[in-house]
Amino acid sequence: PQVRVIPAGGPYFKWPWERVYKVTVATQTLNMAFDPED
């Protein structure tokens, strides 16, 4: 499903029964031989 994306800025408000998930959208570099699990 398409979700509502909260853009950069604020302050925003949330109620106690609400939870906010933040993720970075900046470009990241990773070694292709890196194994996140091992």
Full PDB file with SEQRES, HELIX, SHEET, SSBOND, CRYST1, ORIGX, SCALE, CONECT and MASTER records, all heavy atoms in Angstrom:
SEQRES   1 A   38  PRO GLN VAL ARG VAL ILE PRO ALA GLY GLY PRO TYR PHE          
SEQRES   2 A   38  LYS TRP PRO TRP GLU ARG VAL TYR LYS VAL THR VAL ALA          
SEQRES   3 A   38  THR GLN THR LEU ASN MET ALA PHE ASP PRO GLU ASP              
CRYST1    1.000    1.000    1.000  90.00  90.00  90.00 P 1           1          
ORIGX1      1.000000  0.000000  0.000000        0.00000                         
ORIGX2      0.000000  1.000000  0.000000        0.00000                         
ORIGX3      0.000000  0.000000  1.000000        0.00000                         
SCALE1      1.000000  0.000000  0.000000        0.00000                         
SCALE2      0.000000  1.000000  0.000000        0.00000                         
SCALE3      0.000000  0.000000  1.000000        0.00000                         
ATOM      1  N   PRO A   1       0.832  -1.209   0.000  1.00  0.00           N  
ATOM      2  CA  PRO A   1       0.000   0.000   0.000  1.00  0.00           C  
ATOM      3  C   PRO A   1       0.866   1.258   0.000  1.00  0.00           C  
ATOM      4  O   PRO A   1       1.984   1.273   0.512  1.00  0.00           O  
ATOM      5  CB  PRO A   1      -0.794  -0.122   1.304  1.00  0.00           C  
ATOM      6  CG  PRO A   1       0.058  -0.981   2.186  1.00  0.00           C  
ATOM      7  CD  PRO A   1       0.761  -1.948   1.277  1.00  0.00           C  
ATOM      8  N   GLN A   2       0.344   2.312  -0.601  1.00  0.00           N  
ATOM      9  CA  GLN A   2       1.009   3.605  -0.564  1.00  0.00           C  
ATOM     10  C   GLN A   2       0.667   4.292   0.756  1.00  0.00           C  
ATOM     11  O   GLN A   2      -0.499   4.400   1.135  1.00  0.00           O  
ATOM     12  CB  GLN A   2       0.550   4.468  -1.737  1.00  0.00           C  
ATOM     13  CG  GLN A   2       1.027   3.978  -3.096  1.00  0.00           C  
ATOM     14  CD  GLN A   2       2.513   4.209  -3.277  1.00  0.00           C  
ATOM     15  OE1 GLN A   2       3.050   5.237  -2.879  1.00  0.00           O  
ATOM     16  NE2 GLN A   2       3.186   3.241  -3.861  1.00  0.00           N  
ATOM     17  N   VAL A   3       1.713   4.753   1.453  1.00  0.00           N  
ATOM     18  CA  VAL A   3       1.510   5.368   2.766  1.00  0.00           C  
ATOM     19  C   VAL A   3       1.825   6.858   2.694  1.00  0.00           C  
ATOM     20  O   VAL A   3       2.512   7.330   1.784  1.00  0.00           O  
ATOM     21  CB  VAL A   3       2.398   4.691   3.834  1.00  0.00           C  
ATOM     22  CG1 VAL A   3       1.997   3.229   4.013  1.00  0.00           C  
ATOM     23  CG2 VAL A   3       3.869   4.791   3.458  1.00  0.00           C  
ATOM     24  N   ARG A   4       1.292   7.585   3.664  1.00  0.00           N  
ATOM     25  CA  ARG A   4       1.559   9.021   3.730  1.00  0.00           C  
ATOM     26  C   ARG A   4       2.957   9.256   4.277  1.00  0.00           C  
ATOM     27  O   ARG A   4       3.291   8.806   5.381  1.00  0.00           O  
ATOM     28  CB  ARG A   4       0.523   9.730   4.612  1.00  0.00           C  
ATOM     29  CG  ARG A   4       0.640  11.259   4.584  1.00  0.00           C  
ATOM     30  CD  ARG A   4      -0.470  11.892   5.388  1.00  0.00           C  
ATOM     31  NE  ARG A   4      -0.269  11.700   6.820  1.00  0.00           N  
ATOM     32  CZ  ARG A   4       0.465  12.523   7.591  1.00  0.00           C  
ATOM     33  NH1 ARG A   4       1.021  13.592   7.062  1.00  0.00           N  
ATOM     34  NH2 ARG A   4       0.572  12.300   8.876  1.00  0.00           N  
ATOM     35  N   VAL A   5       3.782   9.931   3.499  1.00  0.00           N  
ATOM     36  CA  VAL A   5       5.170  10.196   3.881  1.00  0.00           C  
ATOM     37  C   VAL A   5       5.250  11.583   4.505  1.00  0.00           C  
ATOM     38  O   VAL A   5       4.796  12.572   3.916  1.00  0.00           O  
ATOM     39  CB  VAL A   5       6.115  10.099   2.656  1.00  0.00           C  
ATOM     40  CG1 VAL A   5       7.550  10.418   3.054  1.00  0.00           C  
ATOM     41  CG2 VAL A   5       6.015   8.709   2.046  1.00  0.00           C  
ATOM     42  N   ILE A   6       5.811  11.653   5.702  1.00  0.00           N  
ATOM     43  CA  ILE A   6       5.977  12.925   6.393  1.00  0.00           C  
ATOM     44  C   ILE A   6       7.304  13.530   5.959  1.00  0.00           C  
ATOM     45  O   ILE A   6       8.366  12.934   6.155  1.00  0.00           O  
ATOM     46  CB  ILE A   6       5.954  12.720   7.921  1.00  0.00           C  
ATOM     47  CG1 ILE A   6       4.633  12.057   8.334  1.00  0.00           C  
ATOM     48  CG2 ILE A   6       6.142  14.044   8.638  1.00  0.00           C  
ATOM     49  CD1 ILE A   6       4.575  11.692   9.802  1.00  0.00           C  
ATOM     50  N   PRO A   7       7.285  14.701   5.323  1.00  0.00           N  
ATOM     51  CA  PRO A   7       8.528  15.285   4.818  1.00  0.00           C  
ATOM     52  C   PRO A   7       9.377  15.875   5.939  1.00  0.00           C  
ATOM     53  O   PRO A   7       8.975  15.922   7.109  1.00  0.00           O  
ATOM     54  CB  PRO A   7       8.036  16.363   3.851  1.00  0.00           C  
ATOM     55  CG  PRO A   7       6.718  16.787   4.431  1.00  0.00           C  
ATOM     56  CD  PRO A   7       6.107  15.533   5.026  1.00  0.00           C  
ATOM     57  N   ALA A   8      10.572  16.344   5.552  1.00  0.00           N  
ATOM     58  CA  ALA A   8      11.458  16.980   6.528  1.00  0.00           C  
ATOM     59  C   ALA A   8      10.835  18.275   7.036  1.00  0.00           C  
ATOM     60  O   ALA A   8      10.204  19.019   6.291  1.00  0.00           O  
ATOM     61  CB  ALA A   8      12.817  17.256   5.884  1.00  0.00           C  
ATOM     62  N   GLY A   9      11.015  18.535   8.312  1.00  0.00           N  
ATOM     63  CA  GLY A   9      10.461  19.743   8.915  1.00  0.00           C  
ATOM     64  C   GLY A   9       9.927  19.460  10.299  1.00  0.00           C  
ATOM     65  O   GLY A   9      10.320  18.528  10.988  1.00  0.00           O  
ATOM     66  N   GLY A  10       8.976  20.237  10.710  1.00  0.00           N  
ATOM     67  CA  GLY A  10       8.379  20.095  12.022  1.00  0.00           C  
ATOM     68  C   GLY A  10       8.330  21.434  12.756  1.00  0.00           C  
ATOM     69  O   GLY A  10       8.655  22.482  12.189  1.00  0.00           O  
ATOM     70  N   PRO A  11       7.892  21.409  13.972  1.00  0.00           N  
ATOM     71  CA  PRO A  11       7.553  20.210  14.747  1.00  0.00           C  
ATOM     72  C   PRO A  11       6.191  19.640  14.365  1.00  0.00           C  
ATOM     73  O   PRO A  11       5.296  20.365  13.972  1.00  0.00           O  
ATOM     74  CB  PRO A  11       7.558  20.714  16.182  1.00  0.00           C  
ATOM     75  CG  PRO A  11       7.206  22.166  16.075  1.00  0.00           C  
ATOM     76  CD  PRO A  11       7.812  22.643  14.803  1.00  0.00           C  
ATOM     77  N   TYR A  12       6.113  18.315  14.450  1.00  0.00           N  
ATOM     78  CA  TYR A  12       4.871  17.594  14.238  1.00  0.00           C  
ATOM     79  C   TYR A  12       4.390  17.040  15.588  1.00  0.00           C  
ATOM     80  O   TYR A  12       5.134  17.003  16.571  1.00  0.00           O  
ATOM     81  CB  TYR A  12       5.072  16.450  13.250  1.00  0.00           C  
ATOM     82  CG  TYR A  12       5.550  16.889  11.888  1.00  0.00           C  
ATOM     83  CD1 TYR A  12       6.877  16.700  11.504  1.00  0.00           C  
ATOM     84  CD2 TYR A  12       4.689  17.475  10.981  1.00  0.00           C  
ATOM     85  CE1 TYR A  12       7.324  17.091  10.248  1.00  0.00           C  
ATOM     86  CE2 TYR A  12       5.114  17.879   9.718  1.00  0.00           C  
ATOM     87  CZ  TYR A  12       6.446  17.684   9.363  1.00  0.00           C  
ATOM     88  OH  TYR A  12       6.874  18.083   8.134  1.00  0.00           O  
ATOM     89  N   PHE A  13       3.137  16.602  15.584  1.00  0.00           N  
ATOM     90  CA  PHE A  13       2.552  16.084  16.830  1.00  0.00           C  
ATOM     91  C   PHE A  13       1.982  14.691  16.591  1.00  0.00           C  
ATOM     92  O   PHE A  13       1.443  14.395  15.526  1.00  0.00           O  
ATOM     93  CB  PHE A  13       1.435  17.015  17.318  1.00  0.00           C  
ATOM     94  CG  PHE A  13       0.758  16.521  18.554  1.00  0.00           C  
ATOM     95  CD1 PHE A  13       1.359  16.661  19.801  1.00  0.00           C  
ATOM     96  CD2 PHE A  13      -0.475  15.894  18.478  1.00  0.00           C  
ATOM     97  CE1 PHE A  13       0.734  16.189  20.947  1.00  0.00           C  
ATOM     98  CE2 PHE A  13      -1.108  15.428  19.609  1.00  0.00           C  
ATOM     99  CZ  PHE A  13      -0.493  15.571  20.851  1.00  0.00           C  
ATOM    100  N   LYS A  14       2.146  13.848  17.595  1.00  0.00           N  
ATOM    101  CA  LYS A  14       1.560  12.507  17.565  1.00  0.00           C  
ATOM    102  C   LYS A  14       0.919  12.221  18.914  1.00  0.00           C  
ATOM    103  O   LYS A  14       1.371  12.668  19.977  1.00  0.00           O  
ATOM    104  CB  LYS A  14       2.622  11.451  17.252  1.00  0.00           C  
ATOM    105  CG  LYS A  14       3.662  11.241  18.343  1.00  0.00           C  
ATOM    106  CD  LYS A  14       4.632  10.143  17.962  1.00  0.00           C  
ATOM    107  CE  LYS A  14       5.645   9.890  19.076  1.00  0.00           C  
ATOM    108  NZ  LYS A  14       4.995   9.339  20.277  1.00  0.00           N  
ATOM    109  N   TRP A  15      -0.143  11.437  18.864  1.00  0.00           N  
ATOM    110  CA  TRP A  15      -0.831  11.013  20.080  1.00  0.00           C  
ATOM    111  C   TRP A  15      -0.142   9.787  20.673  1.00  0.00           C  
ATOM    112  O   TRP A  15       0.662   9.142  20.002  1.00  0.00           O  
ATOM    113  CB  TRP A  15      -2.287  10.694  19.774  1.00  0.00           C  
ATOM    114  CG  TRP A  15      -3.097  11.894  19.378  1.00  0.00           C  
ATOM    115  CD1 TRP A  15      -3.516  12.244  18.145  1.00  0.00           C  
ATOM    116  CD2 TRP A  15      -3.564  12.912  20.258  1.00  0.00           C  
ATOM    117  NE1 TRP A  15      -4.228  13.408  18.161  1.00  0.00           N  
ATOM    118  CE2 TRP A  15      -4.280  13.851  19.472  1.00  0.00           C  
ATOM    119  CE3 TRP A  15      -3.462  13.143  21.641  1.00  0.00           C  
ATOM    120  CZ2 TRP A  15      -4.873  14.991  20.003  1.00  0.00           C  
ATOM    121  CZ3 TRP A  15      -4.066  14.277  22.179  1.00  0.00           C  
ATOM    122  CH2 TRP A  15      -4.751  15.183  21.362  1.00  0.00           C  
ATOM    123  N   PRO A  16      -0.423   9.475  21.893  1.00  0.00           N  
ATOM    124  CA  PRO A  16       0.256   8.322  22.533  1.00  0.00           C  
ATOM    125  C   PRO A  16       0.026   7.007  21.784  1.00  0.00           C  
ATOM    126  O   PRO A  16       0.872   6.116  21.841  1.00  0.00           O  
ATOM    127  CB  PRO A  16      -0.355   8.293  23.930  1.00  0.00           C  
ATOM    128  CG  PRO A  16      -0.819   9.696  24.187  1.00  0.00           C  
ATOM    129  CD  PRO A  16      -1.251  10.230  22.857  1.00  0.00           C  
ATOM    130  N   TRP A  17      -1.100   6.874  21.121  1.00  0.00           N  
ATOM    131  CA  TRP A  17      -1.361   5.616  20.409  1.00  0.00           C  
ATOM    132  C   TRP A  17      -0.783   5.613  18.985  1.00  0.00           C  
ATOM    133  O   TRP A  17      -1.017   4.700  18.223  1.00  0.00           O  
ATOM    134  CB  TRP A  17      -2.867   5.365  20.341  1.00  0.00           C  
ATOM    135  CG  TRP A  17      -3.648   6.524  19.795  1.00  0.00           C  
ATOM    136  CD1 TRP A  17      -3.899   6.827  18.502  1.00  0.00           C  
ATOM    137  CD2 TRP A  17      -4.270   7.572  20.552  1.00  0.00           C  
ATOM    138  NE1 TRP A  17      -4.627   7.958  18.373  1.00  0.00           N  
ATOM    139  CE2 TRP A  17      -4.880   8.449  19.627  1.00  0.00           C  
ATOM    140  CE3 TRP A  17      -4.375   7.845  21.929  1.00  0.00           C  
ATOM    141  CZ2 TRP A  17      -5.578   9.579  20.040  1.00  0.00           C  
ATOM    142  CZ3 TRP A  17      -5.066   8.962  22.332  1.00  0.00           C  
ATOM    143  CH2 TRP A  17      -5.661   9.819  21.384  1.00  0.00           C  
ATOM    144  N   GLU A  18      -0.031   6.663  18.674  1.00  0.00           N  
ATOM    145  CA  GLU A  18       0.620   6.745  17.376  1.00  0.00           C  
ATOM    146  C   GLU A  18       2.130   6.568  17.542  1.00  0.00           C  
ATOM    147  O   GLU A  18       2.704   6.917  18.573  1.00  0.00           O  
ATOM    148  CB  GLU A  18       0.333   8.090  16.697  1.00  0.00           C  
ATOM    149  CG  GLU A  18      -1.131   8.310  16.393  1.00  0.00           C  
ATOM    150  CD  GLU A  18      -1.389   9.682  15.804  1.00  0.00           C  
ATOM    151  OE1 GLU A  18      -0.537  10.585  15.992  1.00  0.00           O  
ATOM    152  OE2 GLU A  18      -2.440   9.867  15.161  1.00  0.00           O  
ATOM    153  N   ARG A  19       2.759   6.036  16.483  1.00  0.00           N  
ATOM    154  CA  ARG A  19       4.213   5.820  16.497  1.00  0.00           C  
ATOM    155  C   ARG A  19       4.803   6.306  15.181  1.00  0.00           C  
ATOM    156  O   ARG A  19       4.195   6.130  14.119  1.00  0.00           O  
ATOM    157  CB  ARG A  19       4.527   4.342  16.701  1.00  0.00           C  
ATOM    158  CG  ARG A  19       6.022   4.041  16.786  1.00  0.00           C  
ATOM    159  CD  ARG A  19       6.255   2.578  17.046  1.00  0.00           C  
ATOM    160  NE  ARG A  19       7.688   2.276  17.049  1.00  0.00           N  
ATOM    161  CZ  ARG A  19       8.199   1.052  17.213  1.00  0.00           C  
ATOM    162  NH1 ARG A  19       7.378   0.013  17.415  1.00  0.00           N  
ATOM    163  NH2 ARG A  19       9.509   0.884  17.203  1.00  0.00           N  
ATOM    164  N   VAL A  20       5.970   6.917  15.269  1.00  0.00           N  
ATOM    165  CA  VAL A  20       6.619   7.500  14.097  1.00  0.00           C  
ATOM    166  C   VAL A  20       7.873   6.691  13.774  1.00  0.00           C  
ATOM    167  O   VAL A  20       8.717   6.441  14.647  1.00  0.00           O  
ATOM    168  CB  VAL A  20       6.989   8.980  14.337  1.00  0.00           C  
ATOM    169  CG1 VAL A  20       7.762   9.538  13.145  1.00  0.00           C  
ATOM    170  CG2 VAL A  20       5.741   9.803  14.609  1.00  0.00           C  
ATOM    171  N   TYR A  21       7.989   6.280  12.498  1.00  0.00           N  
ATOM    172  CA  TYR A  21       9.162   5.561  12.001  1.00  0.00           C  
ATOM    173  C   TYR A  21       9.931   6.507  11.069  1.00  0.00           C  
ATOM    174  O   TYR A  21       9.386   6.968  10.066  1.00  0.00           O  
ATOM    175  CB  TYR A  21       8.753   4.303  11.233  1.00  0.00           C  
ATOM    176  CG  TYR A  21       8.086   3.253  12.086  1.00  0.00           C  
ATOM    177  CD1 TYR A  21       6.719   3.321  12.354  1.00  0.00           C  
ATOM    178  CD2 TYR A  21       8.802   2.190  12.627  1.00  0.00           C  
ATOM    179  CE1 TYR A  21       6.097   2.363  13.135  1.00  0.00           C  
ATOM    180  CE2 TYR A  21       8.194   1.224  13.410  1.00  0.00           C  
ATOM    181  CZ  TYR A  21       6.846   1.316  13.658  1.00  0.00           C  
ATOM    182  OH  TYR A  21       6.218   0.356  14.432  1.00  0.00           O  
ATOM    183  N   LYS A  22      11.183   6.774  11.411  1.00  0.00           N  
ATOM    184  CA  LYS A  22      12.025   7.646  10.605  1.00  0.00           C  
ATOM    185  C   LYS A  22      13.093   6.819   9.881  1.00  0.00           C  
ATOM    186  O   LYS A  22      13.666   5.894  10.456  1.00  0.00           O  
ATOM    187  CB  LYS A  22      12.726   8.701  11.473  1.00  0.00           C  
ATOM    188  CG  LYS A  22      11.786   9.620  12.234  1.00  0.00           C  
ATOM    189  CD  LYS A  22      12.572  10.601  13.086  1.00  0.00           C  
ATOM    190  CE  LYS A  22      11.663  11.499  13.898  1.00  0.00           C  
ATOM    191  NZ  LYS A  22      12.423  12.476  14.730  1.00  0.00           N  
ATOM    192  N   VAL A  23      13.329   7.179   8.636  1.00  0.00           N  
ATOM    193  CA  VAL A  23      14.376   6.518   7.849  1.00  0.00           C  
ATOM    194  C   VAL A  23      15.153   7.591   7.098  1.00  0.00           C  
ATOM    195  O   VAL A  23      14.598   8.630   6.717  1.00  0.00           O  
ATOM    196  CB  VAL A  23      13.796   5.498   6.841  1.00  0.00           C  
ATOM    197  CG1 VAL A  23      13.122   4.360   7.562  1.00  0.00           C  
ATOM    198  CG2 VAL A  23      12.834   6.181   5.883  1.00  0.00           C  
ATOM    199  N   THR A  24      16.438   7.351   6.902  1.00  0.00           N  
ATOM    200  CA  THR A  24      17.259   8.264   6.119  1.00  0.00           C  
ATOM    201  C   THR A  24      17.144   7.932   4.638  1.00  0.00           C  
ATOM    202  O   THR A  24      17.140   6.755   4.261  1.00  0.00           O  
ATOM    203  CB  THR A  24      18.727   8.199   6.565  1.00  0.00           C  
ATOM    204  OG1 THR A  24      19.518   9.055   5.721  1.00  0.00           O  
ATOM    205  CG2 THR A  24      19.257   6.787   6.486  1.00  0.00           C  
ATOM    206  N   VAL A  25      17.009   8.958   3.825  1.00  0.00           N  
ATOM    207  CA  VAL A  25      16.900   8.770   2.373  1.00  0.00           C  
ATOM    208  C   VAL A  25      18.176   9.232   1.666  1.00  0.00           C  
ATOM    209  O   VAL A  25      18.200   9.344   0.434  1.00  0.00           O  
ATOM    210  CB  VAL A  25      15.679   9.535   1.818  1.00  0.00           C  
ATOM    211  CG1 VAL A  25      14.396   8.921   2.317  1.00  0.00           C  
ATOM    212  CG2 VAL A  25      15.763  11.017   2.158  1.00  0.00           C  
ATOM    213  N   ALA A  26      19.232   9.494   2.417  1.00  0.00           N  
ATOM    214  CA  ALA A  26      20.504   9.893   1.813  1.00  0.00           C  
ATOM    215  C   ALA A  26      21.161   8.691   1.147  1.00  0.00           C  
ATOM    216  O   ALA A  26      20.971   7.538   1.561  1.00  0.00           O  
ATOM    217  CB  ALA A  26      21.427  10.493   2.868  1.00  0.00           C  
ATOM    218  N   THR A  27      21.938   8.952   0.114  1.00  0.00           N  
ATOM    219  CA  THR A  27      22.652   7.889  -0.587  1.00  0.00           C  
ATOM    220  C   THR A  27      23.763   7.354   0.297  1.00  0.00           C  
ATOM    221  O   THR A  27      24.549   8.118   0.870  1.00  0.00           O  
ATOM    222  CB  THR A  27      23.240   8.407  -1.908  1.00  0.00           C  
ATOM    223  OG1 THR A  27      22.172   8.901  -2.730  1.00  0.00           O  
ATOM    224  CG2 THR A  27      23.975   7.304  -2.646  1.00  0.00           C  
ATOM    225  N   GLN A  28      23.852   6.031   0.394  1.00  0.00           N  
ATOM    226  CA  GLN A  28      24.846   5.379   1.228  1.00  0.00           C  
ATOM    227  C   GLN A  28      25.712   4.461   0.368  1.00  0.00           C  
ATOM    228  O   GLN A  28      25.251   3.917  -0.638  1.00  0.00           O  
ATOM    229  CB  GLN A  28      24.174   4.570   2.342  1.00  0.00           C  
ATOM    230  CG  GLN A  28      23.228   5.393   3.211  1.00  0.00           C  
ATOM    231  CD  GLN A  28      22.566   4.567   4.296  1.00  0.00           C  
ATOM    232  OE1 GLN A  28      23.229   3.910   5.094  1.00  0.00           O  
ATOM    233  NE2 GLN A  28      21.233   4.596   4.330  1.00  0.00           N  
ATOM    234  N   THR A  29      26.964   4.305   0.787  1.00  0.00           N  
ATOM    235  CA  THR A  29      27.921   3.448   0.085  1.00  0.00           C  
ATOM    236  C   THR A  29      28.225   2.239   0.943  1.00  0.00           C  
ATOM    237  O   THR A  29      28.431   2.357   2.154  1.00  0.00           O  
ATOM    238  CB  THR A  29      29.215   4.214  -0.233  1.00  0.00           C  
ATOM    239  OG1 THR A  29      28.898   5.365  -1.009  1.00  0.00           O  
ATOM    240  CG2 THR A  29      30.176   3.341  -1.015  1.00  0.00           C  
ATOM    241  N   LEU A  30      28.256   1.077   0.294  1.00  0.00           N  
ATOM    242  CA  LEU A  30      28.461  -0.170   1.018  1.00  0.00           C  
ATOM    243  C   LEU A  30      29.378  -1.076   0.216  1.00  0.00           C  
ATOM    244  O   LEU A  30      29.281  -1.150  -1.012  1.00  0.00           O  
ATOM    245  CB  LEU A  30      27.111  -0.859   1.267  1.00  0.00           C  
ATOM    246  CG  LEU A  30      27.111  -2.116   2.140  1.00  0.00           C  
ATOM    247  CD1 LEU A  30      27.527  -1.771   3.569  1.00  0.00           C  
ATOM    248  CD2 LEU A  30      25.733  -2.756   2.155  1.00  0.00           C  
ATOM    249  N   ASN A  31      30.287  -1.742   0.919  1.00  0.00           N  
ATOM    250  CA  ASN A  31      31.146  -2.734   0.283  1.00  0.00           C  
ATOM    251  C   ASN A  31      30.293  -3.909  -0.170  1.00  0.00           C  
ATOM    252  O   ASN A  31      29.544  -4.476   0.612  1.00  0.00           O  
ATOM    253  CB  ASN A  31      32.225  -3.191   1.269  1.00  0.00           C  
ATOM    254  CG  ASN A  31      33.173  -4.210   0.671  1.00  0.00           C  
ATOM    255  OD1 ASN A  31      33.115  -4.500  -0.530  1.00  0.00           O  
ATOM    256  ND2 ASN A  31      34.037  -4.765   1.493  1.00  0.00           N  
ATOM    257  N   MET A  32      30.406  -4.271  -1.472  1.00  0.00           N  
ATOM    258  CA  MET A  32      29.541  -5.321  -1.980  1.00  0.00           C  
ATOM    259  C   MET A  32      29.834  -6.691  -1.377  1.00  0.00           C  
ATOM    260  O   MET A  32      29.019  -7.595  -1.485  1.00  0.00           O  
ATOM    261  CB  MET A  32      29.648  -5.396  -3.505  1.00  0.00           C  
ATOM    262  CG  MET A  32      30.992  -5.804  -4.036  1.00  0.00           C  
ATOM    263  SD  MET A  32      30.958  -6.119  -5.827  1.00  0.00           S  
ATOM    264  CE  MET A  32      30.296  -4.589  -6.453  1.00  0.00           C  
ATOM    265  N   ALA A  33      31.001  -6.851  -0.738  1.00  0.00           N  
ATOM    266  CA  ALA A  33      31.321  -8.125  -0.093  1.00  0.00           C  
ATOM    267  C   ALA A  33      30.829  -8.176   1.347  1.00  0.00           C  
ATOM    268  O   ALA A  33      31.005  -9.197   2.016  1.00  0.00           O  
ATOM    269  CB  ALA A  33      32.829  -8.373  -0.137  1.00  0.00           C  
ATOM    270  N   PHE A  34      30.196  -7.120   1.816  1.00  0.00           N  
ATOM    271  CA  PHE A  34      29.719  -7.082   3.198  1.00  0.00           C  
ATOM    272  C   PHE A  34      28.474  -7.951   3.358  1.00  0.00           C  
ATOM    273  O   PHE A  34      27.535  -7.870   2.559  1.00  0.00           O  
ATOM    274  CB  PHE A  34      29.402  -5.643   3.596  1.00  0.00           C  
ATOM    275  CG  PHE A  34      28.702  -5.516   4.917  1.00  0.00           C  
ATOM    276  CD1 PHE A  34      29.376  -5.784   6.100  1.00  0.00           C  
ATOM    277  CD2 PHE A  34      27.367  -5.144   4.979  1.00  0.00           C  
ATOM    278  CE1 PHE A  34      28.723  -5.668   7.318  1.00  0.00           C  
ATOM    279  CE2 PHE A  34      26.715  -5.027   6.181  1.00  0.00           C  
ATOM    280  CZ  PHE A  34      27.397  -5.291   7.359  1.00  0.00           C  
ATOM    281  N   ASP A  35      28.491  -8.790   4.398  1.00  0.00           N  
ATOM    282  CA  ASP A  35      27.347  -9.642   4.715  1.00  0.00           C  
ATOM    283  C   ASP A  35      26.729  -9.135   6.016  1.00  0.00           C  
ATOM    284  O   ASP A  35      27.344  -9.254   7.080  1.00  0.00           O  
ATOM    285  CB  ASP A  35      27.777 -11.099   4.862  1.00  0.00           C  
ATOM    286  CG  ASP A  35      26.587 -12.049   4.948  1.00  0.00           C  
ATOM    287  OD1 ASP A  35      25.501 -11.602   5.362  1.00  0.00           O  
ATOM    288  OD2 ASP A  35      26.726 -13.232   4.591  1.00  0.00           O  
ATOM    289  N   PRO A  36      25.519  -8.548   5.999  1.00  0.00           N  
ATOM    290  CA  PRO A  36      24.937  -7.999   7.229  1.00  0.00           C  
ATOM    291  C   PRO A  36      24.685  -9.046   8.296  1.00  0.00           C  
ATOM    292  O   PRO A  36      24.654  -8.711   9.485  1.00  0.00           O  
ATOM    293  CB  PRO A  36      23.614  -7.382   6.739  1.00  0.00           C  
ATOM    294  CG  PRO A  36      23.799  -7.177   5.274  1.00  0.00           C  
ATOM    295  CD  PRO A  36      24.676  -8.292   4.822  1.00  0.00           C  
ATOM    296  N   GLU A  37      24.483 -10.302   7.924  1.00  0.00           N  
ATOM    297  CA  GLU A  37      24.192 -11.344   8.906  1.00  0.00           C  
ATOM    298  C   GLU A  37      25.442 -12.009   9.453  1.00  0.00           C  
ATOM    299  O   GLU A  37      25.439 -12.503  10.586  1.00  0.00           O  
ATOM    300  CB  GLU A  37      23.284 -12.403   8.277  1.00  0.00           C  
ATOM    301  CG  GLU A  37      21.897 -11.883   7.942  1.00  0.00           C  
ATOM    302  CD  GLU A  37      20.996 -12.973   7.415  1.00  0.00           C  
ATOM    303  OE1 GLU A  37      21.455 -13.767   6.580  1.00  0.00           O  
ATOM    304  OE2 GLU A  37      19.828 -13.035   7.859  1.00  0.00           O  
ATOM    305  N   ASP A  38      26.530 -12.028   8.669  1.00  0.00           N  
ATOM    306  CA  ASP A  38      27.761 -12.677   9.110  1.00  0.00           C  
ATOM    307  C   ASP A  38      28.948 -11.840   8.638  1.00  0.00           C  
ATOM    308  O   ASP A  38      29.375 -11.956   7.481  1.00  0.00           O  
ATOM    309  CB  ASP A  38      27.840 -14.095   8.545  1.00  0.00           C  
ATOM    310  CG  ASP A  38      29.040 -14.870   9.074  1.00  0.00           C  
ATOM    311  OD1 ASP A  38      29.742 -14.338   9.968  1.00  0.00           O  
ATOM    312  OD2 ASP A  38      29.286 -16.005   8.610  1.00  0.00           O  
TER     313      ASP A  38                                                      
MASTER        0    0    0    0    0    0    0    6  312    1    0    3          
END                                                                             
